[in-house]
């Protein structure tokens, strides 16, 4: 448990530069750059909260997913995205992090029951992530498709109820 909390703390700090520059899922060109100086670089992360979605092991790979509430910060920048969805992968036997591969998420809307198009996740120093809009109350389903470094395709499913 302590290891998981420490990992989440470190990962939260790793996402701050990406959130501070206000990127959208279609603009990830600045992820490798240091955080900008000035107003956006010092913007407080108010009401940010990590929500654990759980973990699953599929064919020797453990996937652990989380949401970070970034709505207040994104709203200040005029963005509609209000959560940062992230998933981390590790070898189930050794615990070694898996950071190479292609990952996407399909989100099922609780109001309509419709599953949206696949949204690519970007490798972000220890996890794959993307900013998403979760606007309706109800249970969301996150279908995470992956093709990691070993070339195998795996699908993980996570749920979150927005109250």
N, C-alpha and C. Protein backbone atom coordinates (compact mmCIF):
# COMPACT_ATOMS: atom_id res chain seq x y z
N UNK A 1 0.83 -1.19 0.00
CA UNK A 1 0.00 0.00 0.00
C UNK A 1 0.86 1.25 0.00
N UNK A 2 1.92 1.26 0.86
CA UNK A 2 2.80 2.42 0.91
C UNK A 2 3.48 2.63 -0.43
N UNK A 3 3.85 1.53 -1.08
CA UNK A 3 4.51 1.62 -2.39
C UNK A 3 3.56 2.24 -3.42
N UNK A 4 2.29 1.86 -3.38
CA UNK A 4 1.30 2.40 -4.30
C UNK A 4 1.09 3.88 -4.06
N UNK A 5 0.99 4.30 -2.81
CA UNK A 5 0.80 5.71 -2.48
C UNK A 5 2.01 6.53 -2.94
N UNK A 6 3.21 6.00 -2.72
CA UNK A 6 4.42 6.69 -3.16
C UNK A 6 4.43 6.81 -4.68
N UNK A 7 4.07 5.73 -5.38
CA UNK A 7 4.02 5.75 -6.84
C UNK A 7 3.02 6.78 -7.33
N UNK A 8 1.85 6.83 -6.73
CA UNK A 8 0.83 7.79 -7.13
C UNK A 8 1.29 9.22 -6.90
N UNK A 9 1.97 9.46 -5.79
CA UNK A 9 2.47 10.80 -5.50
C UNK A 9 3.48 11.24 -6.56
N UNK A 10 4.41 10.35 -6.88
CA UNK A 10 5.42 10.67 -7.89
C UNK A 10 4.76 10.90 -9.24
N UNK A 11 3.82 10.03 -9.62
CA UNK A 11 3.14 10.18 -10.90
C UNK A 11 2.33 11.46 -10.97
N UNK A 12 1.73 11.86 -9.86
CA UNK A 12 0.97 13.11 -9.84
C UNK A 12 1.87 14.29 -10.14
N UNK A 13 3.07 14.29 -9.57
CA UNK A 13 4.01 15.38 -9.84
C UNK A 13 4.49 15.34 -11.28
N UNK A 14 4.59 14.15 -11.86
CA UNK A 14 5.03 14.05 -13.25
C UNK A 14 3.99 14.62 -14.21
N UNK A 15 2.72 14.60 -13.83
CA UNK A 15 1.68 15.12 -14.72
C UNK A 15 1.52 16.62 -14.62
N UNK A 16 2.06 17.25 -13.61
CA UNK A 16 1.89 18.69 -13.44
C UNK A 16 2.37 19.50 -14.63
N UNK A 17 3.57 19.24 -15.21
CA UNK A 17 3.98 20.04 -16.36
C UNK A 17 3.01 19.93 -17.53
N UNK A 18 2.48 18.74 -17.79
CA UNK A 18 1.53 18.59 -18.89
C UNK A 18 0.26 19.36 -18.63
N UNK A 19 -0.22 19.33 -17.39
CA UNK A 19 -1.44 20.05 -17.06
C UNK A 19 -1.22 21.55 -17.07
N UNK A 20 -0.06 21.99 -16.66
CA UNK A 20 0.23 23.42 -16.58
C UNK A 20 0.27 24.06 -17.95
N UNK A 21 0.59 23.30 -18.99
CA UNK A 21 0.64 23.91 -20.31
C UNK A 21 -0.66 23.70 -21.06
N UNK A 22 -1.64 23.06 -20.44
CA UNK A 22 -3.01 23.01 -20.95
C UNK A 22 -3.17 22.30 -22.28
N UNK A 23 -2.58 21.15 -22.45
CA UNK A 23 -2.68 20.46 -23.71
C UNK A 23 -3.98 19.69 -23.79
N UNK A 24 -4.42 19.49 -25.00
CA UNK A 24 -5.60 18.69 -25.27
C UNK A 24 -5.15 17.36 -25.83
N UNK A 25 -6.07 16.37 -25.96
CA UNK A 25 -5.66 15.08 -26.49
C UNK A 25 -5.03 15.19 -27.88
N UNK A 26 -5.36 16.21 -28.65
CA UNK A 26 -4.81 16.33 -30.00
C UNK A 26 -3.50 17.12 -30.03
N UNK A 27 -3.06 17.73 -28.93
CA UNK A 27 -1.84 18.52 -28.93
C UNK A 27 -0.93 18.06 -27.80
N UNK A 28 -0.01 17.18 -28.16
CA UNK A 28 0.93 16.68 -27.16
C UNK A 28 2.36 17.07 -27.51
N UNK A 29 2.51 18.10 -28.32
CA UNK A 29 3.83 18.48 -28.81
C UNK A 29 4.75 19.00 -27.73
N UNK A 30 4.22 19.46 -26.61
CA UNK A 30 5.06 20.09 -25.61
C UNK A 30 5.34 19.20 -24.39
N UNK A 31 4.93 17.93 -24.40
CA UNK A 31 5.11 17.08 -23.23
C UNK A 31 6.57 16.93 -22.83
N UNK A 32 7.49 16.98 -23.78
CA UNK A 32 8.89 16.78 -23.45
C UNK A 32 9.57 18.05 -22.96
N UNK A 33 8.87 19.16 -23.02
CA UNK A 33 9.45 20.44 -22.64
C UNK A 33 9.29 20.70 -21.15
N UNK A 34 10.19 21.47 -20.55
CA UNK A 34 10.02 21.82 -19.14
C UNK A 34 8.81 22.74 -19.00
N UNK A 35 8.23 22.84 -17.79
CA UNK A 35 7.08 23.70 -17.62
C UNK A 35 7.44 25.15 -17.90
N UNK A 36 6.53 25.90 -18.53
CA UNK A 36 6.82 27.28 -18.86
C UNK A 36 6.89 28.14 -17.61
N UNK A 37 7.60 29.24 -17.73
CA UNK A 37 7.69 30.19 -16.62
C UNK A 37 6.52 31.17 -16.72
N UNK A 38 6.19 31.81 -15.65
CA UNK A 38 5.11 32.78 -15.68
C UNK A 38 3.84 32.22 -15.09
N UNK A 39 2.71 32.79 -15.49
CA UNK A 39 1.43 32.45 -14.88
C UNK A 39 1.07 30.97 -14.97
N UNK A 40 1.19 30.37 -16.16
CA UNK A 40 0.78 28.98 -16.30
C UNK A 40 1.70 28.03 -15.55
N UNK A 41 2.99 28.34 -15.48
CA UNK A 41 3.94 27.46 -14.81
C UNK A 41 3.76 27.44 -13.30
N UNK A 42 3.14 28.47 -12.74
CA UNK A 42 2.97 28.54 -11.29
C UNK A 42 1.52 28.37 -10.87
N UNK A 43 0.66 27.97 -11.80
CA UNK A 43 -0.76 27.83 -11.53
C UNK A 43 -1.01 26.76 -10.47
N UNK A 44 -1.77 27.04 -9.43
CA UNK A 44 -2.02 26.03 -8.40
C UNK A 44 -2.93 24.92 -8.92
N UNK A 45 -2.72 23.72 -8.42
CA UNK A 45 -3.55 22.58 -8.81
C UNK A 45 -4.66 22.43 -7.76
N UNK A 46 -5.60 23.32 -7.76
CA UNK A 46 -6.66 23.33 -6.76
C UNK A 46 -7.63 22.18 -7.01
N UNK A 47 -8.10 21.58 -5.94
CA UNK A 47 -9.10 20.52 -5.97
C UNK A 47 -8.66 19.29 -6.76
N UNK A 48 -7.36 19.12 -6.95
CA UNK A 48 -6.88 17.94 -7.65
C UNK A 48 -6.96 16.75 -6.71
N UNK A 49 -7.50 15.68 -7.21
CA UNK A 49 -7.74 14.52 -6.36
C UNK A 49 -7.51 13.27 -7.18
N UNK A 50 -6.75 12.34 -6.66
CA UNK A 50 -6.49 11.09 -7.37
C UNK A 50 -7.56 10.07 -7.00
N UNK A 51 -8.16 9.49 -8.02
CA UNK A 51 -9.21 8.49 -7.85
C UNK A 51 -8.68 7.17 -8.41
N UNK A 52 -8.59 6.17 -7.56
CA UNK A 52 -8.10 4.86 -7.99
C UNK A 52 -9.25 4.09 -8.65
N UNK A 53 -9.02 3.63 -9.87
CA UNK A 53 -10.05 2.88 -10.59
C UNK A 53 -9.85 1.37 -10.46
N UNK A 54 -8.71 0.96 -9.93
CA UNK A 54 -8.46 -0.45 -9.72
C UNK A 54 -7.32 -0.96 -10.56
N UNK A 55 -7.13 -2.27 -10.47
CA UNK A 55 -6.07 -2.91 -11.25
C UNK A 55 -6.56 -4.26 -11.73
N UNK A 56 -5.99 -4.68 -12.86
CA UNK A 56 -6.30 -5.96 -13.46
C UNK A 56 -5.01 -6.56 -13.99
N UNK A 57 -4.93 -7.88 -13.97
CA UNK A 57 -3.80 -8.56 -14.59
C UNK A 57 -4.34 -9.38 -15.75
N UNK A 58 -3.78 -9.09 -16.93
CA UNK A 58 -4.18 -9.77 -18.15
C UNK A 58 -2.91 -10.32 -18.81
N UNK A 59 -2.86 -11.63 -19.01
CA UNK A 59 -1.74 -12.28 -19.70
C UNK A 59 -0.38 -11.79 -19.22
N UNK A 60 -0.18 -11.75 -17.90
CA UNK A 60 1.11 -11.42 -17.32
C UNK A 60 1.43 -9.94 -17.18
N UNK A 61 0.48 -9.09 -17.52
CA UNK A 61 0.68 -7.64 -17.40
C UNK A 61 -0.37 -7.07 -16.46
N UNK A 62 0.09 -6.34 -15.45
CA UNK A 62 -0.83 -5.68 -14.53
C UNK A 62 -1.07 -4.26 -15.01
N UNK A 63 -2.33 -3.90 -15.13
CA UNK A 63 -2.73 -2.55 -15.49
C UNK A 63 -3.41 -1.91 -14.29
N UNK A 64 -3.00 -0.68 -13.95
CA UNK A 64 -3.59 0.04 -12.82
C UNK A 64 -4.01 1.42 -13.34
N UNK A 65 -5.28 1.76 -13.17
CA UNK A 65 -5.81 3.00 -13.72
C UNK A 65 -6.25 3.97 -12.63
N UNK A 66 -6.13 5.26 -12.95
CA UNK A 66 -6.50 6.34 -12.04
C UNK A 66 -7.09 7.51 -12.82
N UNK A 67 -7.85 8.33 -12.12
CA UNK A 67 -8.32 9.60 -12.64
C UNK A 67 -7.82 10.69 -11.71
N UNK A 68 -7.41 11.81 -12.27
CA UNK A 68 -7.09 13.00 -11.48
C UNK A 68 -8.09 14.07 -11.85
N UNK A 69 -8.73 14.65 -10.85
CA UNK A 69 -9.68 15.73 -11.07
C UNK A 69 -8.88 17.01 -11.34
N UNK A 70 -8.92 17.46 -12.59
CA UNK A 70 -8.17 18.66 -13.00
C UNK A 70 -9.12 19.73 -13.53
N UNK A 71 -10.41 19.60 -13.22
CA UNK A 71 -11.43 20.48 -13.76
C UNK A 71 -11.20 21.95 -13.48
N UNK A 72 -10.85 22.31 -12.24
CA UNK A 72 -10.68 23.72 -11.89
C UNK A 72 -9.54 24.36 -12.67
N UNK A 73 -8.43 23.66 -12.78
CA UNK A 73 -7.27 24.20 -13.50
C UNK A 73 -7.58 24.32 -14.98
N UNK A 74 -8.19 23.29 -15.55
CA UNK A 74 -8.50 23.32 -16.98
C UNK A 74 -9.52 24.41 -17.29
N UNK A 75 -10.49 24.61 -16.42
CA UNK A 75 -11.50 25.66 -16.63
C UNK A 75 -10.84 27.04 -16.66
N UNK A 76 -9.84 27.24 -15.81
CA UNK A 76 -9.12 28.52 -15.80
C UNK A 76 -8.44 28.78 -17.14
N UNK A 77 -8.11 27.72 -17.85
CA UNK A 77 -7.46 27.85 -19.14
C UNK A 77 -8.45 27.77 -20.30
N UNK A 78 -9.76 27.75 -19.96
CA UNK A 78 -10.78 27.70 -21.00
C UNK A 78 -10.96 26.34 -21.63
N UNK A 79 -10.53 25.29 -20.96
CA UNK A 79 -10.63 23.93 -21.49
C UNK A 79 -11.83 23.22 -20.89
N UNK A 80 -12.43 22.29 -21.66
CA UNK A 80 -13.60 21.55 -21.16
C UNK A 80 -13.21 20.24 -20.47
N UNK A 81 -11.97 19.75 -20.71
CA UNK A 81 -11.54 18.51 -20.08
C UNK A 81 -11.46 18.71 -18.57
N UNK A 82 -11.98 17.75 -17.82
CA UNK A 82 -12.02 17.92 -16.36
C UNK A 82 -11.35 16.78 -15.59
N UNK A 83 -10.87 15.75 -16.29
CA UNK A 83 -10.16 14.66 -15.63
C UNK A 83 -8.96 14.25 -16.48
N UNK A 84 -7.90 13.83 -15.79
CA UNK A 84 -6.75 13.23 -16.46
C UNK A 84 -6.84 11.74 -16.20
N UNK A 85 -7.06 10.96 -17.25
CA UNK A 85 -7.12 9.51 -17.15
C UNK A 85 -5.72 8.97 -17.36
N UNK A 86 -5.28 8.08 -16.47
CA UNK A 86 -3.95 7.50 -16.62
C UNK A 86 -3.99 6.01 -16.29
N UNK A 87 -3.10 5.29 -16.96
CA UNK A 87 -2.96 3.87 -16.71
C UNK A 87 -1.47 3.53 -16.71
N UNK A 88 -1.08 2.72 -15.74
CA UNK A 88 0.30 2.26 -15.62
C UNK A 88 0.31 0.76 -15.81
N UNK A 89 1.36 0.26 -16.47
CA UNK A 89 1.50 -1.17 -16.71
C UNK A 89 2.79 -1.67 -16.08
N UNK A 90 2.75 -2.92 -15.60
CA UNK A 90 3.95 -3.54 -15.07
C UNK A 90 3.88 -5.04 -15.32
N UNK A 91 5.06 -5.66 -15.33
CA UNK A 91 5.16 -7.10 -15.47
C UNK A 91 4.61 -7.71 -14.17
N UNK A 92 3.64 -8.60 -14.29
CA UNK A 92 2.99 -9.17 -13.11
C UNK A 92 3.95 -9.98 -12.24
N UNK A 93 4.97 -10.59 -12.83
CA UNK A 93 5.90 -11.42 -12.06
C UNK A 93 6.99 -10.58 -11.41
N UNK A 94 7.60 -9.67 -12.16
CA UNK A 94 8.76 -8.94 -11.66
C UNK A 94 8.41 -7.57 -11.08
N UNK A 95 7.26 -7.03 -11.45
CA UNK A 95 6.89 -5.69 -11.01
C UNK A 95 7.54 -4.59 -11.82
N UNK A 96 8.35 -4.95 -12.83
CA UNK A 96 9.03 -3.95 -13.66
C UNK A 96 8.02 -3.16 -14.48
N UNK A 97 8.19 -1.85 -14.50
CA UNK A 97 7.30 -0.97 -15.25
C UNK A 97 7.42 -1.25 -16.75
N UNK A 98 6.28 -1.15 -17.44
CA UNK A 98 6.24 -1.28 -18.90
C UNK A 98 5.81 0.09 -19.42
N UNK A 99 6.72 0.75 -20.11
CA UNK A 99 6.46 2.13 -20.55
C UNK A 99 6.45 2.30 -22.06
N UNK A 100 6.66 1.21 -22.81
CA UNK A 100 6.68 1.28 -24.26
C UNK A 100 5.46 0.56 -24.83
N UNK A 101 4.83 1.18 -25.81
CA UNK A 101 3.71 0.56 -26.47
C UNK A 101 2.70 1.59 -26.92
N UNK A 102 1.59 1.08 -27.43
CA UNK A 102 0.50 1.91 -27.90
C UNK A 102 -0.72 1.61 -27.03
N UNK A 103 -1.37 2.67 -26.55
CA UNK A 103 -2.51 2.52 -25.65
C UNK A 103 -3.60 3.50 -26.06
N UNK A 104 -4.85 3.06 -25.98
CA UNK A 104 -5.99 3.92 -26.26
C UNK A 104 -7.12 3.55 -25.31
N UNK A 105 -8.04 4.49 -25.11
CA UNK A 105 -9.19 4.24 -24.24
C UNK A 105 -10.48 4.60 -24.98
N UNK A 106 -11.50 3.77 -24.77
CA UNK A 106 -12.85 4.06 -25.23
C UNK A 106 -13.69 4.26 -23.97
N UNK A 107 -14.44 5.34 -23.94
CA UNK A 107 -15.23 5.67 -22.75
C UNK A 107 -16.71 5.53 -23.08
N UNK A 108 -17.42 4.79 -22.22
CA UNK A 108 -18.86 4.63 -22.39
C UNK A 108 -19.58 5.69 -21.57
N UNK A 109 -20.40 6.49 -22.23
CA UNK A 109 -21.15 7.57 -21.61
C UNK A 109 -22.30 7.00 -20.79
N UNK A 110 -22.43 7.40 -19.52
CA UNK A 110 -23.48 6.83 -18.68
C UNK A 110 -24.89 7.28 -19.08
N UNK A 111 -25.01 8.42 -19.71
CA UNK A 111 -26.33 8.92 -20.12
C UNK A 111 -26.89 8.16 -21.31
N UNK A 112 -26.04 7.95 -22.31
CA UNK A 112 -26.51 7.36 -23.55
C UNK A 112 -26.18 5.88 -23.68
N UNK A 113 -25.21 5.40 -22.90
CA UNK A 113 -24.76 4.02 -23.04
C UNK A 113 -23.88 3.82 -24.27
N UNK A 114 -23.60 4.90 -24.98
CA UNK A 114 -22.78 4.83 -26.20
C UNK A 114 -21.29 4.85 -25.84
N UNK A 115 -20.54 4.03 -26.53
CA UNK A 115 -19.08 4.01 -26.35
C UNK A 115 -18.46 4.89 -27.43
N UNK A 116 -17.62 5.82 -26.99
CA UNK A 116 -16.99 6.75 -27.92
C UNK A 116 -15.85 6.11 -28.70
N UNK A 117 -15.31 6.90 -29.61
CA UNK A 117 -14.17 6.48 -30.41
C UNK A 117 -12.94 6.30 -29.51
N UNK A 118 -12.00 5.52 -29.98
CA UNK A 118 -10.76 5.30 -29.24
C UNK A 118 -9.97 6.60 -29.15
N UNK A 119 -9.53 6.93 -27.95
CA UNK A 119 -8.71 8.12 -27.70
C UNK A 119 -7.30 7.64 -27.38
N UNK A 120 -6.32 8.04 -28.20
CA UNK A 120 -4.94 7.60 -27.92
C UNK A 120 -4.41 8.20 -26.62
N UNK A 121 -3.69 7.40 -25.86
CA UNK A 121 -3.01 7.87 -24.65
C UNK A 121 -1.54 8.06 -24.98
N UNK A 122 -0.95 9.05 -24.36
CA UNK A 122 0.45 9.35 -24.61
C UNK A 122 1.30 8.83 -23.46
N UNK A 123 2.47 8.29 -23.79
CA UNK A 123 3.42 7.90 -22.76
C UNK A 123 3.90 9.14 -22.03
N UNK A 124 3.79 9.15 -20.70
CA UNK A 124 4.07 10.35 -19.92
C UNK A 124 4.94 10.03 -18.71
N UNK A 125 6.10 9.47 -18.92
CA UNK A 125 7.03 9.23 -17.81
C UNK A 125 6.46 8.35 -16.72
N UNK A 126 6.24 7.09 -17.01
CA UNK A 126 5.75 6.16 -15.99
C UNK A 126 4.31 5.76 -16.18
N UNK A 127 3.57 6.50 -16.98
CA UNK A 127 2.19 6.11 -17.25
C UNK A 127 1.80 6.57 -18.64
N UNK A 128 0.66 6.10 -19.09
CA UNK A 128 0.06 6.57 -20.33
C UNK A 128 -1.15 7.40 -19.89
N UNK A 129 -1.36 8.57 -20.50
CA UNK A 129 -2.44 9.41 -20.04
C UNK A 129 -3.03 10.30 -21.10
N UNK A 130 -4.21 10.84 -20.77
CA UNK A 130 -4.92 11.77 -21.64
C UNK A 130 -5.93 12.54 -20.79
N UNK A 131 -6.18 13.79 -21.15
CA UNK A 131 -7.21 14.59 -20.49
C UNK A 131 -8.53 14.31 -21.18
N UNK A 132 -9.58 14.08 -20.38
CA UNK A 132 -10.90 13.72 -20.92
C UNK A 132 -11.98 14.56 -20.26
N UNK A 133 -13.15 14.60 -20.91
CA UNK A 133 -14.32 15.29 -20.35
C UNK A 133 -15.31 14.25 -19.85
N UNK A 134 -15.58 14.28 -18.56
CA UNK A 134 -16.61 13.43 -17.95
C UNK A 134 -17.63 14.39 -17.37
N UNK A 135 -18.71 14.64 -18.11
CA UNK A 135 -19.64 15.70 -17.74
C UNK A 135 -20.95 15.20 -17.13
N UNK A 136 -21.39 14.01 -17.52
CA UNK A 136 -22.66 13.49 -17.03
C UNK A 136 -22.46 12.67 -15.76
N UNK A 137 -23.43 12.70 -14.89
CA UNK A 137 -23.39 11.87 -13.69
C UNK A 137 -23.73 10.43 -14.09
N UNK A 138 -23.14 9.48 -13.37
CA UNK A 138 -23.42 8.09 -13.63
C UNK A 138 -22.14 7.28 -13.74
N UNK A 139 -22.30 6.00 -14.12
CA UNK A 139 -21.15 5.09 -14.19
C UNK A 139 -20.51 5.10 -15.57
N UNK A 140 -19.24 5.45 -15.60
CA UNK A 140 -18.44 5.43 -16.82
C UNK A 140 -17.70 4.11 -16.89
N UNK A 141 -17.53 3.61 -18.11
CA UNK A 141 -16.70 2.43 -18.33
C UNK A 141 -15.54 2.87 -19.21
N UNK A 142 -14.33 2.47 -18.84
CA UNK A 142 -13.12 2.78 -19.58
C UNK A 142 -12.56 1.48 -20.13
N UNK A 143 -12.60 1.31 -21.45
CA UNK A 143 -12.04 0.13 -22.09
C UNK A 143 -10.67 0.52 -22.62
N UNK A 144 -9.64 -0.02 -22.02
CA UNK A 144 -8.27 0.33 -22.38
C UNK A 144 -7.70 -0.79 -23.25
N UNK A 145 -7.38 -0.43 -24.48
CA UNK A 145 -6.73 -1.37 -25.39
C UNK A 145 -5.24 -1.06 -25.43
N UNK A 146 -4.42 -2.10 -25.42
CA UNK A 146 -2.98 -1.87 -25.42
C UNK A 146 -2.29 -2.87 -26.34
N UNK A 147 -1.20 -2.39 -26.92
CA UNK A 147 -0.24 -3.25 -27.61
C UNK A 147 1.11 -2.78 -27.09
N UNK A 148 1.59 -3.49 -26.09
CA UNK A 148 2.80 -3.08 -25.38
C UNK A 148 4.05 -3.65 -26.07
N UNK A 149 5.19 -3.47 -25.46
CA UNK A 149 6.48 -3.81 -26.06
C UNK A 149 6.58 -5.27 -26.51
N UNK A 150 5.86 -6.18 -25.86
CA UNK A 150 5.95 -7.60 -26.24
C UNK A 150 5.13 -7.91 -27.50
N UNK A 151 4.37 -6.93 -28.01
CA UNK A 151 3.60 -7.11 -29.24
C UNK A 151 2.22 -7.70 -29.04
N UNK A 152 1.90 -8.17 -27.84
CA UNK A 152 0.58 -8.75 -27.57
C UNK A 152 -0.44 -7.66 -27.32
N UNK A 153 -1.66 -7.90 -27.80
CA UNK A 153 -2.76 -6.98 -27.55
C UNK A 153 -3.50 -7.44 -26.30
N UNK A 154 -3.81 -6.48 -25.44
CA UNK A 154 -4.56 -6.77 -24.21
C UNK A 154 -5.63 -5.71 -24.03
N UNK A 155 -6.74 -6.10 -23.40
CA UNK A 155 -7.80 -5.15 -23.11
C UNK A 155 -8.11 -5.19 -21.62
N UNK A 156 -8.14 -4.00 -21.01
CA UNK A 156 -8.43 -3.84 -19.59
C UNK A 156 -9.71 -3.01 -19.48
N UNK A 157 -10.51 -3.29 -18.46
CA UNK A 157 -11.76 -2.54 -18.27
C UNK A 157 -11.81 -2.00 -16.85
N UNK A 158 -12.12 -0.71 -16.74
CA UNK A 158 -12.23 -0.03 -15.45
C UNK A 158 -13.54 0.74 -15.42
N UNK A 159 -14.03 1.00 -14.21
CA UNK A 159 -15.30 1.72 -14.02
C UNK A 159 -15.13 2.84 -13.02
N UNK A 160 -15.94 3.88 -13.20
CA UNK A 160 -15.99 4.99 -12.22
C UNK A 160 -17.38 5.58 -12.25
N UNK A 161 -17.94 5.81 -11.07
CA UNK A 161 -19.26 6.45 -10.96
C UNK A 161 -19.07 7.89 -10.53
N UNK A 162 -19.50 8.81 -11.38
CA UNK A 162 -19.45 10.23 -11.11
C UNK A 162 -20.76 10.61 -10.43
N UNK A 163 -20.64 11.15 -9.21
CA UNK A 163 -21.84 11.50 -8.44
C UNK A 163 -22.12 12.98 -8.50
